[in-house]
Amino acid sequence: MSESANRMTLVSVWSPKSAACKKWIAPINELSRVFTGKMEVIGVTTATAAEVADADPKINFPCALDTGGKFLADAGVTSLPCVLLIDTNSVVRYMGHPAAVTTNTLQLLLKSNEQ
């Protein structure tokens, strides 16, 4: 089992063209920084690599390209921005707007996930 399999994962589904998504880049960048080594943060977008590279503000976490929208469809994502919080057992603990995923909430979930 890889080391990252022992961590929770926050998947941020976003678009560099969306003003609403741009608003949440800085807070998700901060979550990525605060929880380095404790939680993986991964972006997913239907944008191209060039659009991600030109995004402003910049994301500070890895981003997967889903140009065909397969992940979004399979995950049931219907609006952006959207985050999925996945525990170490690959169970989606939360799916929805990133406003609900705060530092305090994540600290509590990470603590309960360790037990």
PDB file of N, CA and C in Angstrom:
ATOM      1  N   MET A   1       0.854  -1.176   0.000  1.00  0.00           N
ATOM      2  CA  MET A   1       0.000   0.000   0.000  1.00  0.00           C
ATOM      3  C   MET A   1       0.897   1.235   0.000  1.00  0.00           C
ATOM      4  N   SER A   2       0.587   2.191  -0.854  1.00  0.00           N
ATOM      5  CA  SER A   2       1.401   3.392  -0.927  1.00  0.00           C
ATOM      6  C   SER A   2       1.151   4.292   0.275  1.00  0.00           C
ATOM      7  N   GLU A   3       2.129   5.163   0.525  1.00  0.00           N
ATOM      8  CA  GLU A   3       2.000   6.087   1.655  1.00  0.00           C
ATOM      9  C   GLU A   3       0.780   6.981   1.501  1.00  0.00           C
ATOM     10  N   SER A   4       0.495   7.424   0.266  1.00  0.00           N
ATOM     11  CA  SER A   4      -0.656   8.310   0.063  1.00  0.00           C
ATOM     12  C   SER A   4      -1.978   7.595   0.302  1.00  0.00           C
ATOM     13  N   ALA A   5      -1.999   6.251   0.239  1.00  0.00           N
ATOM     14  CA  ALA A   5      -3.226   5.512   0.510  1.00  0.00           C
ATOM     15  C   ALA A   5      -3.623   5.611   1.978  1.00  0.00           C
ATOM     16  N   ASN A   6      -2.695   6.026   2.839  1.00  0.00           N
ATOM     17  CA  ASN A   6      -2.989   6.195   4.260  1.00  0.00           C
ATOM     18  C   ASN A   6      -3.468   7.603   4.585  1.00  0.00           C
ATOM     19  N   ARG A   7      -3.691   8.409   3.581  1.00  0.00           N
ATOM     20  CA  ARG A   7      -4.129   9.792   3.778  1.00  0.00           C
ATOM     21  C   ARG A   7      -5.506  10.008   3.163  1.00  0.00           C
ATOM     22  N   MET A   8      -6.216  10.948   3.749  1.00  0.00           N
ATOM     23  CA  MET A   8      -7.465  11.366   3.128  1.00  0.00           C
ATOM     24  C   MET A   8      -7.098  12.176   1.885  1.00  0.00           C
ATOM     25  N   THR A   9      -8.044  12.261   0.958  1.00  0.00           N
ATOM     26  CA  THR A   9      -7.819  12.999  -0.282  1.00  0.00           C
ATOM     27  C   THR A   9      -8.941  14.002  -0.472  1.00  0.00           C
ATOM     28  N   LEU A  10      -8.563  15.219  -0.807  1.00  0.00           N
ATOM     29  CA  LEU A  10      -9.529  16.252  -1.167  1.00  0.00           C
ATOM     30  C   LEU A  10      -9.393  16.472  -2.669  1.00  0.00           C
ATOM     31  N   VAL A  11     -10.452  16.164  -3.401  1.00  0.00           N
ATOM     32  CA  VAL A  11     -10.463  16.362  -4.849  1.00  0.00           C
ATOM     33  C   VAL A  11     -11.246  17.640  -5.124  1.00  0.00           C
ATOM     34  N   SER A  12     -10.579  18.587  -5.752  1.00  0.00           N
ATOM     35  CA  SER A  12     -11.208  19.854  -6.095  1.00  0.00           C
ATOM     36  C   SER A  12     -11.535  19.849  -7.585  1.00  0.00           C
ATOM     37  N   VAL A  13     -12.814  19.843  -7.910  1.00  0.00           N
ATOM     38  CA  VAL A  13     -13.251  19.880  -9.300  1.00  0.00           C
ATOM     39  C   VAL A  13     -13.525  21.340  -9.630  1.00  0.00           C
ATOM     40  N   TRP A  14     -12.825  21.842 -10.639  1.00  0.00           N
ATOM     41  CA  TRP A  14     -12.857  23.277 -10.898  1.00  0.00           C
ATOM     42  C   TRP A  14     -12.677  23.569 -12.383  1.00  0.00           C
ATOM     43  N   SER A  15     -12.852  24.827 -12.737  1.00  0.00           N
ATOM     44  CA  SER A  15     -12.608  25.293 -14.099  1.00  0.00           C
ATOM     45  C   SER A  15     -11.908  26.651 -14.024  1.00  0.00           C
ATOM     46  N   PRO A  16     -10.826  26.830 -14.784  1.00  0.00           N
ATOM     47  CA  PRO A  16     -10.155  28.126 -14.779  1.00  0.00           C
ATOM     48  C   PRO A  16     -10.993  29.239 -15.419  1.00  0.00           C
ATOM     49  N   LYS A  17     -12.086  28.874 -16.081  1.00  0.00           N
ATOM     50  CA  LYS A  17     -12.965  29.862 -16.716  1.00  0.00           C
ATOM     51  C   LYS A  17     -14.071  30.347 -15.785  1.00  0.00           C
ATOM     52  N   SER A  18     -14.241  29.687 -14.656  1.00  0.00           N
ATOM     53  CA  SER A  18     -15.341  29.979 -13.743  1.00  0.00           C
ATOM     54  C   SER A  18     -14.925  30.966 -12.651  1.00  0.00           C
ATOM     55  N   ALA A  19     -15.645  32.077 -12.556  1.00  0.00           N
ATOM     56  CA  ALA A  19     -15.369  33.055 -11.498  1.00  0.00           C
ATOM     57  C   ALA A  19     -15.596  32.447 -10.123  1.00  0.00           C
ATOM     58  N   ALA A  20     -16.609  31.615  -9.989  1.00  0.00           N
ATOM     59  CA  ALA A  20     -16.889  30.964  -8.694  1.00  0.00           C
ATOM     60  C   ALA A  20     -15.741  30.033  -8.312  1.00  0.00           C
ATOM     61  N   CYS A  21     -15.193  29.311  -9.271  1.00  0.00           N
ATOM     62  CA  CYS A  21     -14.064  28.416  -8.989  1.00  0.00           C
ATOM     63  C   CYS A  21     -12.825  29.214  -8.612  1.00  0.00           C
ATOM     64  N   LYS A  22     -12.582  30.308  -9.319  1.00  0.00           N
ATOM     65  CA  LYS A  22     -11.404  31.139  -9.032  1.00  0.00           C
ATOM     66  C   LYS A  22     -11.425  31.645  -7.594  1.00  0.00           C
ATOM     67  N   LYS A  23     -12.609  31.924  -7.080  1.00  0.00           N
ATOM     68  CA  LYS A  23     -12.753  32.414  -5.706  1.00  0.00           C
ATOM     69  C   LYS A  23     -12.234  31.392  -4.693  1.00  0.00           C
ATOM     70  N   TRP A  24     -12.335  30.103  -5.014  1.00  0.00           N
ATOM     71  CA  TRP A  24     -11.983  29.048  -4.062  1.00  0.00           C
ATOM     72  C   TRP A  24     -10.582  28.503  -4.240  1.00  0.00           C
ATOM     73  N   ILE A  25      -9.835  28.985  -5.227  1.00  0.00           N
ATOM     74  CA  ILE A  25      -8.471  28.489  -5.427  1.00  0.00           C
ATOM     75  C   ILE A  25      -7.592  28.830  -4.228  1.00  0.00           C
ATOM     76  N   ALA A  26      -7.597  30.067  -3.784  1.00  0.00           N
ATOM     77  CA  ALA A  26      -6.740  30.454  -2.651  1.00  0.00           C
ATOM     78  C   ALA A  26      -7.062  29.656  -1.385  1.00  0.00           C
ATOM     79  N   PRO A  27      -8.340  29.503  -0.999  1.00  0.00           N
ATOM     80  CA  PRO A  27      -8.615  28.690   0.190  1.00  0.00           C
ATOM     81  C   PRO A  27      -8.193  27.225   0.037  1.00  0.00           C
ATOM     82  N   ILE A  28      -8.339  26.659  -1.141  1.00  0.00           N
ATOM     83  CA  ILE A  28      -7.924  25.264  -1.331  1.00  0.00           C
ATOM     84  C   ILE A  28      -6.400  25.174  -1.370  1.00  0.00           C
ATOM     85  N   ASN A  29      -5.733  26.164  -1.955  1.00  0.00           N
ATOM     86  CA  ASN A  29      -4.268  26.220  -1.875  1.00  0.00           C
ATOM     87  C   ASN A  29      -3.831  26.218  -0.408  1.00  0.00           C
ATOM     88  N   GLU A  30      -4.528  26.976   0.421  1.00  0.00           N
ATOM     89  CA  GLU A  30      -4.187  27.057   1.843  1.00  0.00           C
ATOM     90  C   GLU A  30      -4.419  25.716   2.541  1.00  0.00           C
ATOM     91  N   LEU A  31      -5.509  25.040   2.227  1.00  0.00           N
ATOM     92  CA  LEU A  31      -5.752  23.711   2.811  1.00  0.00           C
ATOM     93  C   LEU A  31      -4.643  22.748   2.397  1.00  0.00           C
ATOM     94  N   SER A  32      -4.222  22.836   1.153  1.00  0.00           N
ATOM     95  CA  SER A  32      -3.132  21.987   0.671  1.00  0.00           C
ATOM     96  C   SER A  32      -1.855  22.248   1.461  1.00  0.00           C
ATOM     97  N   ARG A  33      -1.584  23.513   1.742  1.00  0.00           N
ATOM     98  CA  ARG A  33      -0.392  23.885   2.495  1.00  0.00           C
ATOM     99  C   ARG A  33      -0.501  23.425   3.953  1.00  0.00           C
ATOM    100  N   VAL A  34      -1.621  23.708   4.589  1.00  0.00           N
ATOM    101  CA  VAL A  34      -1.812  23.390   6.006  1.00  0.00           C
ATOM    102  C   VAL A  34      -1.764  21.884   6.254  1.00  0.00           C
ATOM    103  N   PHE A  35      -2.300  21.098   5.335  1.00  0.00           N
ATOM    104  CA  PHE A  35      -2.404  19.663   5.552  1.00  0.00           C
ATOM    105  C   PHE A  35      -1.371  18.851   4.771  1.00  0.00           C
ATOM    106  N   THR A  36      -0.281  19.498   4.357  1.00  0.00           N
ATOM    107  CA  THR A  36       0.800  18.783   3.683  1.00  0.00           C
ATOM    108  C   THR A  36       1.248  17.608   4.543  1.00  0.00           C
ATOM    109  N   GLY A  37       1.331  16.430   3.933  1.00  0.00           N
ATOM    110  CA  GLY A  37       1.752  15.227   4.649  1.00  0.00           C
ATOM    111  C   GLY A  37       0.633  14.521   5.388  1.00  0.00           C
ATOM    112  N   LYS A  38      -0.521  15.179   5.527  1.00  0.00           N
ATOM    113  CA  LYS A  38      -1.654  14.585   6.244  1.00  0.00           C
ATOM    114  C   LYS A  38      -2.826  14.277   5.321  1.00  0.00           C
ATOM    115  N   MET A  39      -2.899  15.032   4.212  1.00  0.00           N
ATOM    116  CA  MET A  39      -4.006  14.885   3.278  1.00  0.00           C
ATOM    117  C   MET A  39      -3.509  15.253   1.888  1.00  0.00           C
ATOM    118  N   GLU A  40      -3.927  14.490   0.904  1.00  0.00           N
ATOM    119  CA  GLU A  40      -3.609  14.805  -0.488  1.00  0.00           C
ATOM    120  C   GLU A  40      -4.671  15.771  -1.012  1.00  0.00           C
ATOM    121  N   VAL A  41      -4.244  16.747  -1.792  1.00  0.00           N
ATOM    122  CA  VAL A  41      -5.174  17.636  -2.481  1.00  0.00           C
ATOM    123  C   VAL A  41      -4.881  17.507  -3.975  1.00  0.00           C
ATOM    124  N   ILE A  42      -5.925  17.197  -4.726  1.00  0.00           N
ATOM    125  CA  ILE A  42      -5.792  16.981  -6.165  1.00  0.00           C
ATOM    126  C   ILE A  42      -6.904  17.750  -6.865  1.00  0.00           C
ATOM    127  N   GLY A  43      -6.555  18.435  -7.921  1.00  0.00           N
ATOM    128  CA  GLY A  43      -7.548  19.120  -8.737  1.00  0.00           C
ATOM    129  C   GLY A  43      -7.960  18.243  -9.906  1.00  0.00           C
ATOM    130  N   VAL A  44      -9.171  18.464 -10.392  1.00  0.00           N
ATOM    131  CA  VAL A  44      -9.659  17.811 -11.605  1.00  0.00           C
ATOM    132  C   VAL A  44     -10.390  18.879 -12.403  1.00  0.00           C
ATOM    133  N   THR A  45     -10.082  18.959 -13.691  1.00  0.00           N
ATOM    134  CA  THR A  45     -10.725  19.953 -14.537  1.00  0.00           C
ATOM    135  C   THR A  45     -10.931  19.404 -15.942  1.00  0.00           C
ATOM    136  N   THR A  46     -11.925  19.925 -16.616  1.00  0.00           N
ATOM    137  CA  THR A  46     -12.141  19.572 -18.015  1.00  0.00           C
ATOM    138  C   THR A  46     -11.373  20.509 -18.934  1.00  0.00           C
ATOM    139  N   ALA A  47     -10.654  21.459 -18.378  1.00  0.00           N
ATOM    140  CA  ALA A  47      -9.863  22.407 -19.154  1.00  0.00           C
ATOM    141  C   ALA A  47      -8.629  21.724 -19.755  1.00  0.00           C
ATOM    142  N   THR A  48      -7.972  22.416 -20.641  1.00  0.00           N
ATOM    143  CA  THR A  48      -6.738  21.910 -21.240  1.00  0.00           C
ATOM    144  C   THR A  48      -5.555  22.261 -20.340  1.00  0.00           C
ATOM    145  N   ALA A  49      -4.420  21.630 -20.600  1.00  0.00           N
ATOM    146  CA  ALA A  49      -3.198  21.917 -19.839  1.00  0.00           C
ATOM    147  C   ALA A  49      -2.815  23.386 -19.973  1.00  0.00           C
ATOM    148  N   ALA A  50      -2.979  23.954 -21.158  1.00  0.00           N
ATOM    149  CA  ALA A  50      -2.650  25.364 -21.373  1.00  0.00           C
ATOM    150  C   ALA A  50      -3.556  26.270 -20.547  1.00  0.00           C
ATOM    151  N   GLU A  51      -4.844  25.936 -20.464  1.00  0.00           N
ATOM    152  CA  GLU A  51      -5.774  26.741 -19.668  1.00  0.00           C
ATOM    153  C   GLU A  51      -5.437  26.662 -18.184  1.00  0.00           C
ATOM    154  N   VAL A  52      -5.028  25.492 -17.713  1.00  0.00           N
ATOM    155  CA  VAL A  52      -4.632  25.345 -16.312  1.00  0.00           C
ATOM    156  C   VAL A  52      -3.360  26.144 -16.053  1.00  0.00           C
ATOM    157  N   ALA A  53      -2.401  26.062 -16.964  1.00  0.00           N
ATOM    158  CA  ALA A  53      -1.138  26.793 -16.811  1.00  0.00           C
ATOM    159  C   ALA A  53      -1.359  28.307 -16.797  1.00  0.00           C
ATOM    160  N   ASP A  54      -2.365  28.773 -17.542  1.00  0.00           N
ATOM    161  CA  ASP A  54      -2.657  30.209 -17.609  1.00  0.00           C
ATOM    162  C   ASP A  54      -3.636  30.673 -16.531  1.00  0.00           C
ATOM    163  N   ALA A  55      -4.124  29.756 -15.701  1.00  0.00           N
ATOM    164  CA  ALA A  55      -5.134  30.100 -14.683  1.00  0.00           C
ATOM    165  C   ALA A  55      -4.594  31.158 -13.729  1.00  0.00           C
ATOM    166  N   ASP A  56      -5.472  32.058 -13.360  1.00  0.00           N
ATOM    167  CA  ASP A  56      -5.131  33.107 -12.403  1.00  0.00           C
ATOM    168  C   ASP A  56      -6.305  33.247 -11.448  1.00  0.00           C
ATOM    169  N   PRO A  57      -6.116  32.921 -10.179  1.00  0.00           N
ATOM    170  CA  PRO A  57      -4.860  32.586  -9.508  1.00  0.00           C
ATOM    171  C   PRO A  57      -4.394  31.165  -9.846  1.00  0.00           C
ATOM    172  N   LYS A  58      -3.123  30.910  -9.582  1.00  0.00           N
ATOM    173  CA  LYS A  58      -2.507  29.602  -9.839  1.00  0.00           C
ATOM    174  C   LYS A  58      -2.898  28.618  -8.742  1.00  0.00           C
ATOM    175  N   ILE A  59      -3.024  27.353  -9.133  1.00  0.00           N
ATOM    176  CA  ILE A  59      -3.242  26.317  -8.128  1.00  0.00           C
ATOM    177  C   ILE A  59      -1.880  25.797  -7.679  1.00  0.00           C
ATOM    178  N   ASN A  60      -1.782  25.438  -6.418  1.00  0.00           N
ATOM    179  CA  ASN A  60      -0.532  24.940  -5.832  1.00  0.00           C
ATOM    180  C   ASN A  60      -0.616  23.456  -5.497  1.00  0.00           C
ATOM    181  N   PHE A  61      -1.418  22.717  -6.230  1.00  0.00           N
ATOM    182  CA  PHE A  61      -1.583  21.285  -6.008  1.00  0.00           C
ATOM    183  C   PHE A  61      -1.704  20.623  -7.382  1.00  0.00           C
ATOM    184  N   PRO A  62      -1.432  19.315  -7.458  1.00  0.00           N
ATOM    185  CA  PRO A  62      -1.520  18.627  -8.754  1.00  0.00           C
ATOM    186  C   PRO A  62      -2.933  18.685  -9.315  1.00  0.00           C
ATOM    187  N   CYS A  63      -3.019  18.720 -10.640  1.00  0.00           N
ATOM    188  CA  CYS A  63      -4.329  18.792 -11.287  1.00  0.00           C
ATOM    189  C   CYS A  63      -4.400  17.778 -12.430  1.00  0.00           C
ATOM    190  N   ALA A  64      -5.425  16.946 -12.399  1.00  0.00           N
ATOM    191  CA  ALA A  64      -5.674  15.976 -13.466  1.00  0.00           C
ATOM    192  C   ALA A  64      -6.578  16.618 -14.514  1.00  0.00           C
ATOM    193  N   LEU A  65      -6.299  16.293 -15.766  1.00  0.00           N
ATOM    194  CA  LEU A  65      -7.114  16.800 -16.868  1.00  0.00           C
ATOM    195  C   LEU A  65      -8.152  15.746 -17.245  1.00  0.00           C
ATOM    196  N   ASP A  66      -9.391  16.148 -17.251  1.00  0.00           N
ATOM    197  CA  ASP A  66     -10.517  15.272 -17.574  1.00  0.00           C
ATOM    198  C   ASP A  66     -11.270  15.901 -18.742  1.00  0.00           C
ATOM    199  N   THR A  67     -10.549  16.090 -19.863  1.00  0.00           N
ATOM    200  CA  THR A  67     -11.108  16.853 -20.976  1.00  0.00           C
ATOM    201  C   THR A  67     -12.389  16.258 -21.530  1.00  0.00           C
ATOM    202  N   GLY A  68     -12.586  14.961 -21.359  1.00  0.00           N
ATOM    203  CA  GLY A  68     -13.823  14.334 -21.818  1.00  0.00           C
ATOM    204  C   GLY A  68     -14.935  14.356 -20.786  1.00  0.00           C
ATOM    205  N   GLY A  69     -14.622  14.790 -19.567  1.00  0.00           N
ATOM    206  CA  GLY A  69     -15.630  14.874 -18.515  1.00  0.00           C
ATOM    207  C   GLY A  69     -16.034  13.530 -17.924  1.00  0.00           C
ATOM    208  N   LYS A  70     -15.246  12.466 -18.158  1.00  0.00           N
ATOM    209  CA  LYS A  70     -15.602  11.133 -17.650  1.00  0.00           C
ATOM    210  C   LYS A  70     -15.625  11.088 -16.121  1.00  0.00           C
ATOM    211  N   PHE A  71     -14.600  11.652 -15.469  1.00  0.00           N
ATOM    212  CA  PHE A  71     -14.581  11.640 -14.001  1.00  0.00           C
ATOM    213  C   PHE A  71     -15.789  12.394 -13.452  1.00  0.00           C
ATOM    214  N   LEU A  72     -16.050  13.585 -14.003  1.00  0.00           N
ATOM    215  CA  LEU A  72     -17.181  14.374 -13.526  1.00  0.00           C
ATOM    216  C   LEU A  72     -18.483  13.590 -13.651  1.00  0.00           C
ATOM    217  N   ALA A  73     -18.679  12.931 -14.780  1.00  0.00           N
ATOM    218  CA  ALA A  73     -19.901  12.149 -14.985  1.00  0.00           C
ATOM    219  C   ALA A  73     -19.960  10.965 -14.026  1.00  0.00           C
ATOM    220  N   ASP A  74     -18.857  10.223 -13.914  1.00  0.00           N
ATOM    221  CA  ASP A  74     -18.832   9.044 -13.040  1.00  0.00           C
ATOM    222  C   ASP A  74     -19.017   9.421 -11.566  1.00  0.00           C
ATOM    223  N   ALA A  75     -18.478  10.574 -11.171  1.00  0.00           N
ATOM    224  CA  ALA A  75     -18.582  11.011  -9.774  1.00  0.00           C
ATOM    225  C   ALA A  75     -19.918  11.692  -9.482  1.00  0.00           C
ATOM    226  N   GLY A  76     -20.659  12.046 -10.517  1.00  0.00           N
ATOM    227  CA  GLY A  76     -21.943  12.706 -10.317  1.00  0.00           C
ATOM    228  C   GLY A  76     -21.818  14.197 -10.039  1.00  0.00           C
ATOM    229  N   VAL A  77     -20.710  14.802 -10.458  1.00  0.00           N
ATOM    230  CA  VAL A  77     -20.520  16.238 -10.263  1.00  0.00           C
ATOM    231  C   VAL A  77     -21.408  16.985 -11.242  1.00  0.00           C
ATOM    232  N   THR A  78     -22.284  17.839 -10.714  1.00  0.00           N
ATOM    233  CA  THR A  78     -23.224  18.564 -11.570  1.00  0.00           C
ATOM    234  C   THR A  78     -23.054  20.074 -11.517  1.00  0.00           C
ATOM    235  N   SER A  79     -22.223  20.560 -10.576  1.00  0.00           N
ATOM    236  CA  SER A  79     -21.991  22.001 -10.506  1.00  0.00           C
ATOM    237  C   SER A  79     -20.562  22.256 -10.023  1.00  0.00           C
ATOM    238  N   LEU A  80     -20.047  23.407 -10.394  1.00  0.00           N
ATOM    239  CA  LEU A  80     -18.696  23.819 -10.011  1.00  0.00           C
ATOM    240  C   LEU A  80     -18.764  25.110  -9.229  1.00  0.00           C
ATOM    241  N   PRO A  81     -17.874  25.291  -8.285  1.00  0.00           N
ATOM    242  CA  PRO A  81     -16.842  24.368  -7.836  1.00  0.00           C
ATOM    243  C   PRO A  81     -17.443  23.256  -6.986  1.00  0.00           C
ATOM    244  N   CYS A  82     -16.720  22.154  -6.931  1.00  0.00           N
ATOM    245  CA  CYS A  82     -17.158  21.001  -6.149  1.00  0.00           C
ATOM    246  C   CYS A  82     -15.927  20.339  -5.549  1.00  0.00           C
ATOM    247  N   VAL A  83     -16.053  19.869  -4.325  1.00  0.00           N
ATOM    248  CA  VAL A  83     -14.974  19.100  -3.714  1.00  0.00           C
ATOM    249  C   VAL A  83     -15.525  17.759  -3.251  1.00  0.00           C
ATOM    250  N   LEU A  84     -14.650  16.766  -3.283  1.00  0.00           N
ATOM    251  CA  LEU A  84     -14.957  15.449  -2.752  1.00  0.00           C
ATOM    252  C   LEU A  84     -13.896  15.146  -1.716  1.00  0.00           C
ATOM    253  N   LEU A  85     -14.316  14.785  -0.530  1.00  0.00           N
ATOM    254  CA  LEU A  85     -13.395  14.399   0.530  1.00  0.00           C
ATOM    255  C   LEU A  85     -13.494  12.884   0.661  1.00  0.00           C
ATOM    256  N   ILE A  86     -12.381  12.215   0.372  1.00  0.00           N
ATOM    257  CA  ILE A  86     -12.346  10.755   0.331  1.00  0.00           C
ATOM    258  C   ILE A  86     -11.466  10.253   1.465  1.00  0.00           C
ATOM    259  N   ASP A  87     -12.008   9.337   2.276  1.00  0.00           N
ATOM    260  CA  ASP A  87     -11.235   8.838   3.414  1.00  0.00           C
ATOM    261  C   ASP A  87     -10.268   7.735   2.980  1.00  0.00           C
ATOM    262  N   THR A  88      -9.528   7.189   3.916  1.00  0.00           N
ATOM    263  CA  THR A  88      -8.504   6.195   3.619  1.00  0.00           C
ATOM    264  C   THR A  88      -9.081   4.856   3.177  1.00  0.00           C
ATOM    265  N   ASN A  89     -10.391   4.677   3.336  1.00  0.00           N
ATOM    266  CA  ASN A  89     -11.065   3.469   2.871  1.00  0.00           C
ATOM    267  C   ASN A  89     -11.747   3.689   1.521  1.00  0.00           C
ATOM    268  N   SER A  90     -11.411   4.810   0.870  1.00  0.00           N
ATOM    269  CA  SER A  90     -11.976   5.188  -0.440  1.00  0.00           C
ATOM    270  C   SER A  90     -13.476   5.484  -0.373  1.00  0.00           C
ATOM    271  N   VAL A  91     -13.934   5.920   0.787  1.00  0.00           N
ATOM    272  CA  VAL A  91     -15.324   6.303   0.975  1.00  0.00           C
ATOM    273  C   VAL A  91     -15.418   7.825   0.861  1.00  0.00           C
ATOM    274  N   VAL A  92     -16.344   8.290   0.042  1.00  0.00           N
ATOM    275  CA  VAL A  92     -16.564   9.731  -0.089  1.00  0.00           C
ATOM    276  C   VAL A  92     -17.297  10.199   1.159  1.00  0.00           C
ATOM    277  N   ARG A  93     -16.605  11.012   1.967  1.00  0.00           N
ATOM    278  CA  ARG A  93     -17.186  11.501   3.224  1.00  0.00           C
ATOM    279  C   ARG A  93     -17.980  12.789   3.013  1.00  0.00           C
ATOM    280  N   TYR A  94     -17.643  13.518   1.939  1.00  0.00           N
ATOM    281  CA  TYR A  94     -18.367  14.756   1.629  1.00  0.00           C
ATOM    282  C   TYR A  94     -18.228  15.020   0.140  1.00  0.00           C
ATOM    283  N   MET A  95     -19.306  15.505  -0.463  1.00  0.00           N
ATOM    284  CA  MET A  95     -19.274  15.962  -1.848  1.00  0.00           C
ATOM    285  C   MET A  95     -20.174  17.174  -1.939  1.00  0.00           C
ATOM    286  N   GLY A  96     -19.600  18.293  -2.361  1.00  0.00           N
ATOM    287  CA  GLY A  96     -20.391  19.507  -2.487  1.00  0.00           C
ATOM    288  C   GLY A  96     -19.521  20.735  -2.603  1.00  0.00           C
ATOM    289  N   HIS A  97     -20.077  21.846  -2.197  1.00  0.00           N
ATOM    290  CA  HIS A  97     -19.397  23.135  -2.311  1.00  0.00           C
ATOM    291  C   HIS A  97     -18.204  23.200  -1.356  1.00  0.00           C
ATOM    292  N   PRO A  98     -17.096  23.794  -1.789  1.00  0.00           N
ATOM    293  CA  PRO A  98     -15.906  23.863  -0.928  1.00  0.00           C
ATOM    294  C   PRO A  98     -16.075  24.696   0.337  1.00  0.00           C
ATOM    295  N   ALA A  99     -17.102  25.520   0.430  1.00  0.00           N
ATOM    296  CA  ALA A  99     -17.302  26.343   1.621  1.00  0.00           C
ATOM    297  C   ALA A  99     -17.460  25.497   2.884  1.00  0.00           C
ATOM    298  N   ALA A 100     -17.941  24.271   2.726  1.00  0.00           N
ATOM    299  CA  ALA A 100     -18.167  23.402   3.888  1.00  0.00           C
ATOM    300  C   ALA A 100     -16.887  22.738   4.383  1.00  0.00           C
ATOM    301  N   VAL A 101     -15.826  22.819   3.607  1.00  0.00           N
ATOM    302  CA  VAL A 101     -14.572  22.151   3.960  1.00  0.00           C
ATOM    303  C   VAL A 101     -13.609  23.200   4.531  1.00  0.00           C
ATOM    304  N   THR A 102     -13.599  23.298   5.849  1.00  0.00           N
ATOM    305  CA  THR A 102     -12.754  24.273   6.530  1.00  0.00           C
ATOM    306  C   THR A 102     -11.588  23.570   7.223  1.00  0.00           C
ATOM    307  N   THR A 103     -10.630  24.339   7.659  1.00  0.00           N
ATOM    308  CA  THR A 103      -9.497  23.782   8.402  1.00  0.00           C
ATOM    309  C   THR A 103      -9.984  23.034   9.628  1.00  0.00           C
ATOM    310  N   ASN A 104     -10.908  23.621  10.384  1.00  0.00           N
ATOM    311  CA  ASN A 104     -11.423  22.970  11.594  1.00  0.00           C
ATOM    312  C   ASN A 104     -12.145  21.668  11.280  1.00  0.00           C
ATOM    313  N   THR A 105     -12.982  21.675  10.256  1.00  0.00           N
ATOM    314  CA  THR A 105     -13.709  20.477   9.862  1.00  0.00           C
ATOM    315  C   THR A 105     -12.738  19.371   9.462  1.00  0.00           C
ATOM    316  N   LEU A 106     -11.738  19.730   8.664  1.00  0.00           N
ATOM    317  CA  LEU A 106     -10.768  18.727   8.220  1.00  0.00           C
ATOM    318  C   LEU A 106      -9.953  18.176   9.379  1.00  0.00           C
ATOM    319  N   GLN A 107      -9.581  19.033  10.325  1.00  0.00           N
ATOM    320  CA  GLN A 107      -8.830  18.547  11.482  1.00  0.00           C
ATOM    321  C   GLN A 107      -9.645  17.513  12.259  1.00  0.00           C
ATOM    322  N   LEU A 108     -10.937  17.764  12.437  1.00  0.00           N
ATOM    323  CA  LEU A 108     -11.805  16.816  13.137  1.00  0.00           C
ATOM    324  C   LEU A 108     -11.937  15.507  12.361  1.00  0.00           C
ATOM    325  N   LEU A 109     -12.121  15.604  11.043  1.00  0.00           N
ATOM    326  CA  LEU A 109     -12.256  14.404  10.226  1.00  0.00           C
ATOM    327  C   LEU A 109     -10.962  13.597  10.191  1.00  0.00           C
ATOM    328  N   LEU A 110      -9.837  14.285  10.084  1.00  0.00           N
ATOM    329  CA  LEU A 110      -8.555  13.585  10.075  1.00  0.00           C
ATOM    330  C   LEU A 110      -8.319  12.876  11.408  1.00  0.00           C
ATOM    331  N   LYS A 111      -8.691  13.541  12.486  1.00  0.00           N
ATOM    332  CA  LYS A 111      -8.530  12.932  13.812  1.00  0.00           C
ATOM    333  C   LYS A 111      -9.407  11.698  13.951  1.00  0.00           C
ATOM    334  N   SER A 112     -10.662  11.776  13.513  1.00  0.00           N
ATOM    335  CA  SER A 112     -11.574  10.634  13.612  1.00  0.00           C
ATOM    336  C   SER A 112     -11.151   9.515  12.663  1.00  0.00           C
ATOM    337  N   ASN A 113     -10.524   9.864  11.551  1.00  0.00           N
ATOM    338  CA  ASN A 113     -10.075   8.872  10.577  1.00  0.00           C
ATOM    339  C   ASN A 113      -8.870   8.087  11.091  1.00  0.00           C
ATOM    340  N   GLU A 114      -8.093   8.673  12.001  1.00  0.00           N
ATOM    341  CA  GLU A 114      -6.916   8.024  12.555  1.00  0.00           C
ATOM    342  C   GLU A 114      -7.291   6.958  13.580  1.00  0.00           C
ATOM    343  N   GLN A 115      -8.472   7.063  14.160  1.00  0.00           N
ATOM    344  CA  GLN A 115      -8.871   6.145  15.227  1.00  0.00           C
ATOM    345  C   GLN A 115      -9.378   4.840  14.689  1.00  0.00           C
TER     346      GLN A 115
END
